[in-house]
Amino acid sequence: MLEDGPSGRDDADGTAPADAAAGPKLTMPAWVADVRRLGAGLKKLFAAQLKLLGAEIGLARSGIVMMLFMGLAAIVFAVALGFTLLALAGWGLAQWFGSWAWALTVLAALQAVLLVGAILVFRRGMHWLTLPATRAELSTLARDAAKQGKAESEQAGEQA
């Protein structure tokens, strides 16, 4: 017992039915082959560009990780240098004053002054983040537009 499968082929021997083999053959125009060759060439060209882009993105990712680690290392070394310089300044002040207590008091006062200065500069920067000039300009524009709209509506009301 032979049955046709879903593909339209005879299940027993794998041959196509006679009516399917007798169908007309379609020939493609020459320009389709040209378009296919163009597509293959573009694919080859852009495949190389995409491969280069992928390699550069990988390199950039590695560079970002390296930059983060080197930034962390720079912070650690800067703190260590700061401690060393403070120790040297403390030693020099202790030699000058003849007392470690006075030397450490002067260093603490100097650091307090520098801390207050840093806080004040930080607050100024936070103020700049609020974009004060831009906000004032936008406020002026809104007020002018409201005045102009009110004047135009009053003018339209008088004419009616």
N, C-alpha and C. Protein backbone atom coordinates (compact mmCIF):
# COMPACT_ATOMS: atom_id res chain seq x y z
N MET A 1 0.85 -1.17 0.00
CA MET A 1 0.00 0.00 0.00
C MET A 1 0.89 1.23 0.00
N LEU A 2 0.80 2.09 -1.03
CA LEU A 2 1.62 3.26 -1.19
C LEU A 2 0.77 4.51 -0.96
N GLU A 3 1.33 5.47 -0.18
CA GLU A 3 0.61 6.71 0.07
C GLU A 3 1.54 7.88 -0.20
N ASP A 4 0.93 8.97 -0.63
CA ASP A 4 1.71 10.18 -0.81
C ASP A 4 1.91 10.83 0.55
N GLY A 5 3.16 11.25 0.85
CA GLY A 5 3.46 11.93 2.12
C GLY A 5 3.17 13.41 1.99
N PRO A 6 3.44 14.15 3.02
CA PRO A 6 3.15 15.59 3.01
C PRO A 6 4.01 16.35 2.00
N SER A 7 5.12 15.78 1.57
CA SER A 7 5.98 16.50 0.63
C SER A 7 5.53 16.30 -0.81
N GLY A 8 4.54 15.49 -1.06
CA GLY A 8 4.08 15.24 -2.43
C GLY A 8 4.90 14.16 -3.11
N ARG A 9 5.74 13.49 -2.38
CA ARG A 9 6.55 12.41 -2.95
C ARG A 9 5.93 11.07 -2.58
N ASP A 10 6.22 10.10 -3.39
CA ASP A 10 5.76 8.75 -3.12
C ASP A 10 6.61 8.20 -1.98
N ASP A 11 5.98 7.72 -0.89
CA ASP A 11 6.71 7.30 0.30
C ASP A 11 7.55 6.05 0.05
N ALA A 12 7.16 5.25 -0.85
CA ALA A 12 7.84 3.97 -1.02
C ALA A 12 9.22 4.13 -1.63
N ASP A 13 9.36 4.83 -2.74
CA ASP A 13 10.67 4.90 -3.40
C ASP A 13 11.26 6.30 -3.46
N GLY A 14 10.62 7.33 -2.90
CA GLY A 14 11.18 8.67 -2.85
C GLY A 14 11.12 9.42 -4.16
N THR A 15 10.34 8.99 -5.13
CA THR A 15 10.24 9.68 -6.41
C THR A 15 9.07 10.64 -6.39
N ALA A 16 9.17 11.69 -7.18
CA ALA A 16 8.10 12.68 -7.26
C ALA A 16 6.99 12.16 -8.14
N PRO A 17 5.75 12.56 -7.88
CA PRO A 17 4.66 12.16 -8.77
C PRO A 17 4.89 12.71 -10.18
N ALA A 18 4.32 12.11 -11.15
CA ALA A 18 4.54 12.45 -12.55
C ALA A 18 4.05 13.85 -12.89
N ASP A 19 2.96 14.31 -12.27
CA ASP A 19 2.42 15.62 -12.61
C ASP A 19 3.32 16.74 -12.07
N ALA A 20 4.05 16.54 -10.99
CA ALA A 20 4.93 17.57 -10.46
C ALA A 20 6.19 17.71 -11.32
N ALA A 21 6.67 16.64 -11.89
CA ALA A 21 7.88 16.68 -12.70
C ALA A 21 7.63 17.32 -14.05
N ALA A 22 6.41 17.33 -14.49
CA ALA A 22 6.10 17.87 -15.81
C ALA A 22 5.86 19.37 -15.79
N GLY A 23 6.02 20.06 -14.63
CA GLY A 23 5.76 21.50 -14.52
C GLY A 23 6.77 22.32 -15.29
N PRO A 24 6.42 23.56 -15.66
CA PRO A 24 7.34 24.39 -16.43
C PRO A 24 8.51 24.85 -15.57
N LYS A 25 9.68 24.97 -16.15
CA LYS A 25 10.88 25.43 -15.46
C LYS A 25 10.99 26.93 -15.67
N LEU A 26 11.25 27.66 -14.55
CA LEU A 26 11.38 29.11 -14.62
C LEU A 26 12.85 29.48 -14.77
N THR A 27 13.13 30.38 -15.68
CA THR A 27 14.50 30.87 -15.84
C THR A 27 14.56 32.28 -15.27
N MET A 28 15.63 32.56 -14.55
CA MET A 28 15.81 33.87 -13.93
C MET A 28 16.45 34.82 -14.93
N PRO A 29 16.05 36.08 -14.90
CA PRO A 29 16.70 37.06 -15.77
C PRO A 29 18.16 37.26 -15.35
N ALA A 30 18.96 37.80 -16.24
CA ALA A 30 20.39 37.99 -15.99
C ALA A 30 20.64 38.99 -14.87
N TRP A 31 19.76 39.99 -14.75
CA TRP A 31 19.99 41.01 -13.72
C TRP A 31 19.85 40.44 -12.31
N VAL A 32 19.07 39.35 -12.15
CA VAL A 32 18.94 38.73 -10.83
C VAL A 32 20.28 38.13 -10.41
N ALA A 33 20.99 37.52 -11.36
CA ALA A 33 22.31 36.96 -11.06
C ALA A 33 23.28 38.08 -10.70
N ASP A 34 23.17 39.23 -11.38
CA ASP A 34 24.02 40.36 -11.04
C ASP A 34 23.74 40.88 -9.64
N VAL A 35 22.46 40.96 -9.30
CA VAL A 35 22.09 41.41 -7.96
C VAL A 35 22.60 40.44 -6.90
N ARG A 36 22.52 39.14 -7.21
CA ARG A 36 23.04 38.14 -6.26
C ARG A 36 24.54 38.29 -6.08
N ARG A 37 25.26 38.52 -7.16
CA ARG A 37 26.71 38.71 -7.06
C ARG A 37 27.03 39.98 -6.29
N LEU A 38 26.25 41.04 -6.51
CA LEU A 38 26.43 42.28 -5.77
C LEU A 38 26.19 42.05 -4.28
N GLY A 39 25.14 41.33 -3.96
CA GLY A 39 24.84 41.02 -2.55
C GLY A 39 25.95 40.21 -1.91
N ALA A 40 26.48 39.23 -2.64
CA ALA A 40 27.58 38.42 -2.11
C ALA A 40 28.82 39.28 -1.88
N GLY A 41 29.09 40.20 -2.81
CA GLY A 41 30.25 41.08 -2.64
C GLY A 41 30.09 42.03 -1.45
N LEU A 42 28.89 42.58 -1.32
CA LEU A 42 28.62 43.47 -0.18
C LEU A 42 28.72 42.71 1.14
N LYS A 43 28.21 41.48 1.13
CA LYS A 43 28.29 40.67 2.34
C LYS A 43 29.75 40.40 2.70
N LYS A 44 30.56 40.10 1.71
CA LYS A 44 31.98 39.85 1.95
C LYS A 44 32.67 41.11 2.46
N LEU A 45 32.37 42.27 1.86
CA LEU A 45 32.96 43.53 2.27
C LEU A 45 32.56 43.89 3.69
N PHE A 46 31.26 43.84 3.99
CA PHE A 46 30.79 44.24 5.31
C PHE A 46 31.10 43.20 6.37
N ALA A 47 31.27 41.95 5.98
CA ALA A 47 31.66 40.93 6.95
C ALA A 47 33.04 41.27 7.50
N ALA A 48 33.94 41.71 6.63
CA ALA A 48 35.27 42.10 7.10
C ALA A 48 35.19 43.33 8.00
N GLN A 49 34.34 44.29 7.64
CA GLN A 49 34.18 45.49 8.47
C GLN A 49 33.57 45.13 9.83
N LEU A 50 32.58 44.24 9.84
CA LEU A 50 31.96 43.84 11.09
C LEU A 50 32.93 43.07 11.97
N LYS A 51 33.78 42.26 11.35
CA LYS A 51 34.79 41.53 12.11
C LYS A 51 35.77 42.51 12.75
N LEU A 52 36.18 43.52 12.00
CA LEU A 52 37.07 44.55 12.54
C LEU A 52 36.38 45.30 13.68
N LEU A 53 35.11 45.66 13.49
CA LEU A 53 34.36 46.36 14.53
C LEU A 53 34.26 45.51 15.79
N GLY A 54 33.99 44.23 15.65
CA GLY A 54 33.91 43.33 16.80
C GLY A 54 35.24 43.25 17.54
N ALA A 55 36.34 43.19 16.79
CA ALA A 55 37.66 43.15 17.42
C ALA A 55 37.93 44.45 18.17
N GLU A 56 37.58 45.59 17.57
CA GLU A 56 37.82 46.87 18.23
C GLU A 56 36.94 47.05 19.46
N ILE A 57 35.71 46.55 19.42
CA ILE A 57 34.84 46.63 20.60
C ILE A 57 35.42 45.78 21.73
N GLY A 58 35.94 44.62 21.40
CA GLY A 58 36.60 43.79 22.41
C GLY A 58 37.81 44.49 23.01
N LEU A 59 38.58 45.15 22.17
CA LEU A 59 39.74 45.89 22.65
C LEU A 59 39.31 47.06 23.52
N ALA A 60 38.25 47.75 23.12
CA ALA A 60 37.75 48.87 23.92
C ALA A 60 37.25 48.39 25.28
N ARG A 61 36.58 47.25 25.31
CA ARG A 61 36.10 46.69 26.58
C ARG A 61 37.29 46.38 27.49
N SER A 62 38.34 45.80 26.94
CA SER A 62 39.53 45.52 27.72
C SER A 62 40.17 46.81 28.21
N GLY A 63 40.16 47.83 27.35
CA GLY A 63 40.72 49.12 27.74
C GLY A 63 39.96 49.76 28.88
N ILE A 64 38.64 49.63 28.89
CA ILE A 64 37.84 50.20 29.97
C ILE A 64 38.16 49.51 31.29
N VAL A 65 38.26 48.19 31.27
CA VAL A 65 38.59 47.45 32.49
C VAL A 65 39.97 47.87 32.99
N MET A 66 40.94 47.98 32.06
CA MET A 66 42.28 48.39 32.45
C MET A 66 42.27 49.80 33.03
N MET A 67 41.51 50.71 32.42
CA MET A 67 41.43 52.08 32.93
C MET A 67 40.85 52.12 34.34
N LEU A 68 39.82 51.31 34.60
CA LEU A 68 39.23 51.28 35.94
C LEU A 68 40.23 50.79 36.98
N PHE A 69 40.96 49.73 36.65
CA PHE A 69 41.95 49.22 37.59
C PHE A 69 43.10 50.21 37.79
N MET A 70 43.53 50.85 36.73
CA MET A 70 44.62 51.82 36.87
C MET A 70 44.15 53.07 37.61
N GLY A 71 42.89 53.44 37.45
CA GLY A 71 42.34 54.55 38.24
C GLY A 71 42.32 54.21 39.72
N LEU A 72 41.93 52.98 40.04
CA LEU A 72 41.94 52.53 41.43
C LEU A 72 43.37 52.52 41.97
N ALA A 73 44.31 52.03 41.17
CA ALA A 73 45.72 52.01 41.60
C ALA A 73 46.23 53.44 41.82
N ALA A 74 45.86 54.37 40.94
CA ALA A 74 46.30 55.76 41.09
C ALA A 74 45.74 56.36 42.38
N ILE A 75 44.50 56.03 42.73
CA ILE A 75 43.92 56.54 43.98
C ILE A 75 44.68 55.98 45.18
N VAL A 76 44.97 54.69 45.16
CA VAL A 76 45.72 54.07 46.27
C VAL A 76 47.09 54.71 46.41
N PHE A 77 47.79 54.91 45.29
CA PHE A 77 49.13 55.50 45.35
C PHE A 77 49.08 56.96 45.78
N ALA A 78 48.03 57.68 45.36
CA ALA A 78 47.90 59.07 45.76
C ALA A 78 47.65 59.19 47.26
N VAL A 79 46.84 58.30 47.81
CA VAL A 79 46.60 58.32 49.25
C VAL A 79 47.88 57.98 50.01
N ALA A 80 48.61 56.99 49.51
CA ALA A 80 49.88 56.63 50.16
C ALA A 80 50.86 57.80 50.10
N LEU A 81 50.92 58.48 48.96
CA LEU A 81 51.81 59.64 48.83
C LEU A 81 51.37 60.74 49.78
N GLY A 82 50.06 60.96 49.91
CA GLY A 82 49.55 61.96 50.84
C GLY A 82 49.94 61.65 52.27
N PHE A 83 49.81 60.39 52.68
CA PHE A 83 50.22 60.01 54.04
C PHE A 83 51.70 60.25 54.26
N THR A 84 52.51 59.89 53.26
CA THR A 84 53.95 60.08 53.38
C THR A 84 54.29 61.57 53.51
N LEU A 85 53.67 62.39 52.67
CA LEU A 85 53.95 63.83 52.73
C LEU A 85 53.47 64.43 54.05
N LEU A 86 52.33 63.97 54.55
CA LEU A 86 51.86 64.46 55.85
C LEU A 86 52.81 64.03 56.96
N ALA A 87 53.32 62.82 56.87
CA ALA A 87 54.28 62.37 57.88
C ALA A 87 55.55 63.22 57.84
N LEU A 88 56.01 63.52 56.61
CA LEU A 88 57.20 64.37 56.48
C LEU A 88 56.93 65.78 57.00
N ALA A 89 55.76 66.32 56.69
CA ALA A 89 55.40 67.65 57.18
C ALA A 89 55.29 67.64 58.70
N GLY A 90 54.71 66.60 59.25
CA GLY A 90 54.62 66.48 60.70
C GLY A 90 55.98 66.40 61.35
N TRP A 91 56.86 65.63 60.77
CA TRP A 91 58.22 65.52 61.30
C TRP A 91 58.93 66.87 61.24
N GLY A 92 58.79 67.58 60.09
CA GLY A 92 59.42 68.90 59.96
C GLY A 92 58.85 69.90 60.96
N LEU A 93 57.53 69.88 61.15
CA LEU A 93 56.92 70.78 62.13
C LEU A 93 57.33 70.42 63.56
N ALA A 94 57.46 69.12 63.81
CA ALA A 94 57.91 68.70 65.14
C ALA A 94 59.33 69.17 65.40
N GLN A 95 60.18 69.16 64.38
CA GLN A 95 61.54 69.66 64.54
C GLN A 95 61.54 71.17 64.77
N TRP A 96 60.66 71.87 64.07
CA TRP A 96 60.61 73.33 64.17
C TRP A 96 60.05 73.79 65.52
N PHE A 97 58.87 73.17 65.92
CA PHE A 97 58.23 73.54 67.17
C PHE A 97 58.91 72.90 68.37
N GLY A 98 59.57 71.80 68.15
CA GLY A 98 60.18 71.07 69.27
C GLY A 98 59.15 70.24 70.02
N SER A 99 57.94 70.08 69.46
CA SER A 99 56.88 69.32 70.12
C SER A 99 56.00 68.64 69.07
N TRP A 100 55.76 67.35 69.28
CA TRP A 100 54.88 66.63 68.37
C TRP A 100 53.44 67.10 68.52
N ALA A 101 53.05 67.50 69.71
CA ALA A 101 51.67 67.94 69.95
C ALA A 101 51.37 69.19 69.12
N TRP A 102 52.29 70.16 69.12
CA TRP A 102 52.08 71.37 68.32
C TRP A 102 52.10 71.06 66.82
N ALA A 103 52.97 70.18 66.42
CA ALA A 103 53.07 69.82 65.01
C ALA A 103 51.77 69.18 64.52
N LEU A 104 51.23 68.23 65.31
CA LEU A 104 49.99 67.57 64.91
C LEU A 104 48.81 68.52 64.97
N THR A 105 48.82 69.48 65.90
CA THR A 105 47.75 70.48 65.97
C THR A 105 47.75 71.36 64.73
N VAL A 106 48.93 71.80 64.31
CA VAL A 106 49.02 72.62 63.11
C VAL A 106 48.58 71.83 61.88
N LEU A 107 49.00 70.58 61.78
CA LEU A 107 48.58 69.74 60.65
C LEU A 107 47.07 69.55 60.65
N ALA A 108 46.47 69.31 61.80
CA ALA A 108 45.02 69.13 61.89
C ALA A 108 44.30 70.41 61.47
N ALA A 109 44.80 71.56 61.90
CA ALA A 109 44.17 72.84 61.53
C ALA A 109 44.28 73.05 60.01
N LEU A 110 45.44 72.75 59.44
CA LEU A 110 45.63 72.89 58.00
C LEU A 110 44.68 71.98 57.23
N GLN A 111 44.54 70.75 57.70
CA GLN A 111 43.63 69.82 57.03
C GLN A 111 42.18 70.26 57.18
N ALA A 112 41.82 70.84 58.32
CA ALA A 112 40.44 71.33 58.52
C ALA A 112 40.15 72.48 57.56
N VAL A 113 41.11 73.39 57.38
CA VAL A 113 40.92 74.51 56.45
C VAL A 113 40.77 73.98 55.03
N LEU A 114 41.60 73.03 54.63
CA LEU A 114 41.50 72.46 53.29
C LEU A 114 40.19 71.69 53.10
N LEU A 115 39.71 71.01 54.15
CA LEU A 115 38.44 70.30 54.06
C LEU A 115 37.28 71.27 53.88
N VAL A 116 37.27 72.36 54.62
CA VAL A 116 36.20 73.36 54.48
C VAL A 116 36.24 73.96 53.07
N GLY A 117 37.44 74.26 52.57
CA GLY A 117 37.57 74.78 51.21
C GLY A 117 37.03 73.80 50.18
N ALA A 118 37.34 72.51 50.33
CA ALA A 118 36.85 71.50 49.39
C ALA A 118 35.33 71.40 49.45
N ILE A 119 34.76 71.48 50.65
CA ILE A 119 33.30 71.42 50.78
C ILE A 119 32.64 72.61 50.10
N LEU A 120 33.22 73.80 50.27
CA LEU A 120 32.65 75.00 49.64
C LEU A 120 32.73 74.92 48.12
N VAL A 121 33.83 74.43 47.58
CA VAL A 121 33.96 74.28 46.13
C VAL A 121 32.97 73.22 45.63
N PHE A 122 32.79 72.16 46.40
CA PHE A 122 31.83 71.12 46.03
C PHE A 122 30.41 71.69 45.99
N ARG A 123 30.06 72.49 46.97
CA ARG A 123 28.72 73.10 46.99
C ARG A 123 28.53 74.03 45.80
N ARG A 124 29.57 74.76 45.39
CA ARG A 124 29.48 75.63 44.22
C ARG A 124 29.22 74.79 42.97
N GLY A 125 29.93 73.67 42.87
CA GLY A 125 29.71 72.77 41.74
C GLY A 125 28.30 72.21 41.72
N MET A 126 27.75 71.87 42.89
CA MET A 126 26.37 71.39 42.97
C MET A 126 25.41 72.48 42.50
N HIS A 127 25.70 73.73 42.84
CA HIS A 127 24.86 74.84 42.38
C HIS A 127 24.90 74.95 40.85
N TRP A 128 26.07 74.76 40.27
CA TRP A 128 26.19 74.82 38.81
C TRP A 128 25.39 73.70 38.15
N LEU A 129 25.26 72.56 38.83
CA LEU A 129 24.49 71.45 38.26
C LEU A 129 23.01 71.79 38.15
N THR A 130 22.53 72.78 38.88
CA THR A 130 21.12 73.15 38.79
C THR A 130 20.84 74.02 37.57
N LEU A 131 21.87 74.38 36.81
CA LEU A 131 21.75 75.18 35.60
C LEU A 131 21.01 76.50 35.86
N PRO A 132 21.54 77.34 36.73
CA PRO A 132 20.79 78.54 37.13
C PRO A 132 20.53 79.51 35.99
N ALA A 133 21.50 79.73 35.11
CA ALA A 133 21.31 80.69 34.01
C ALA A 133 20.26 80.16 33.02
N THR A 134 20.30 78.88 32.74
CA THR A 134 19.33 78.29 31.82
C THR A 134 17.93 78.36 32.40
N ARG A 135 17.80 78.04 33.69
CA ARG A 135 16.48 78.11 34.33
C ARG A 135 15.95 79.54 34.30
N ALA A 136 16.82 80.53 34.56
CA ALA A 136 16.38 81.93 34.54
C ALA A 136 15.94 82.34 33.14
N GLU A 137 16.68 81.90 32.13
CA GLU A 137 16.34 82.24 30.75
C GLU A 137 15.00 81.60 30.35
N LEU A 138 14.80 80.35 30.72
CA LEU A 138 13.53 79.68 30.40
C LEU A 138 12.37 80.35 31.14
N SER A 139 12.61 80.78 32.37
CA SER A 139 11.58 81.48 33.13
C SER A 139 11.21 82.79 32.44
N THR A 140 12.21 83.53 31.96
CA THR A 140 11.97 84.78 31.25
C THR A 140 11.18 84.53 29.97
N LEU A 141 11.56 83.51 29.22
CA LEU A 141 10.84 83.18 27.99
C LEU A 141 9.38 82.83 28.29
N ALA A 142 9.13 82.06 29.35
CA ALA A 142 7.77 81.68 29.69
C ALA A 142 6.95 82.91 30.10
N ARG A 143 7.56 83.80 30.90
CA ARG A 143 6.86 85.01 31.31
C ARG A 143 6.52 85.90 30.10
N ASP A 144 7.50 86.05 29.19
CA ASP A 144 7.26 86.86 27.99
C ASP A 144 6.16 86.26 27.12
N ALA A 145 6.17 84.95 26.99
CA ALA A 145 5.13 84.29 26.18
C ALA A 145 3.76 84.46 26.83
N ALA A 146 3.70 84.37 28.16
CA ALA A 146 2.43 84.55 28.85
C ALA A 146 1.92 85.98 28.69
N LYS A 147 2.82 86.96 28.80
CA LYS A 147 2.41 88.37 28.62
C LYS A 147 1.90 88.60 27.19
N GLN A 148 2.63 88.04 26.22
CA GLN A 148 2.23 88.22 24.82
C GLN A 148 0.88 87.55 24.56
N GLY A 149 0.67 86.36 25.11
CA GLY A 149 -0.61 85.67 24.94
C GLY A 149 -1.74 86.42 25.59
N LYS A 150 -1.49 86.98 26.77
CA LYS A 150 -2.52 87.74 27.46
C LYS A 150 -2.87 89.00 26.67
N ALA A 151 -1.84 89.69 26.14
CA ALA A 151 -2.07 90.91 25.36
C ALA A 151 -2.85 90.58 24.09
N GLU A 152 -2.53 89.49 23.43
CA GLU A 152 -3.25 89.10 22.21
C GLU A 152 -4.69 88.73 22.51
N SER A 153 -4.93 88.07 23.64
CA SER A 153 -6.32 87.70 23.97
C SER A 153 -7.14 88.93 24.34
N GLU A 154 -6.51 89.89 25.01
CA GLU A 154 -7.22 91.15 25.32
C GLU A 154 -7.54 91.93 24.05
N GLN A 155 -6.59 91.90 23.11
CA GLN A 155 -6.80 92.60 21.84
C GLN A 155 -7.93 91.95 21.05
N ALA A 156 -7.97 90.63 21.08
CA ALA A 156 -9.03 89.90 20.36
C ALA A 156 -10.38 90.16 21.03
N GLY A 157 -10.40 90.31 22.37
CA GLY A 157 -11.63 90.57 23.09
C GLY A 157 -12.16 91.98 22.80
N GLU A 158 -11.29 92.94 22.62
CA GLU A 158 -11.70 94.33 22.30
C GLU A 158 -12.26 94.42 20.90
N GLN A 159 -11.72 93.63 19.98
CA GLN A 159 -12.17 93.69 18.58
C GLN A 159 -13.55 93.03 18.42
N ALA A 160 -13.86 92.10 19.27
CA ALA A 160 -15.14 91.37 19.13
C ALA A 160 -16.32 92.12 19.67
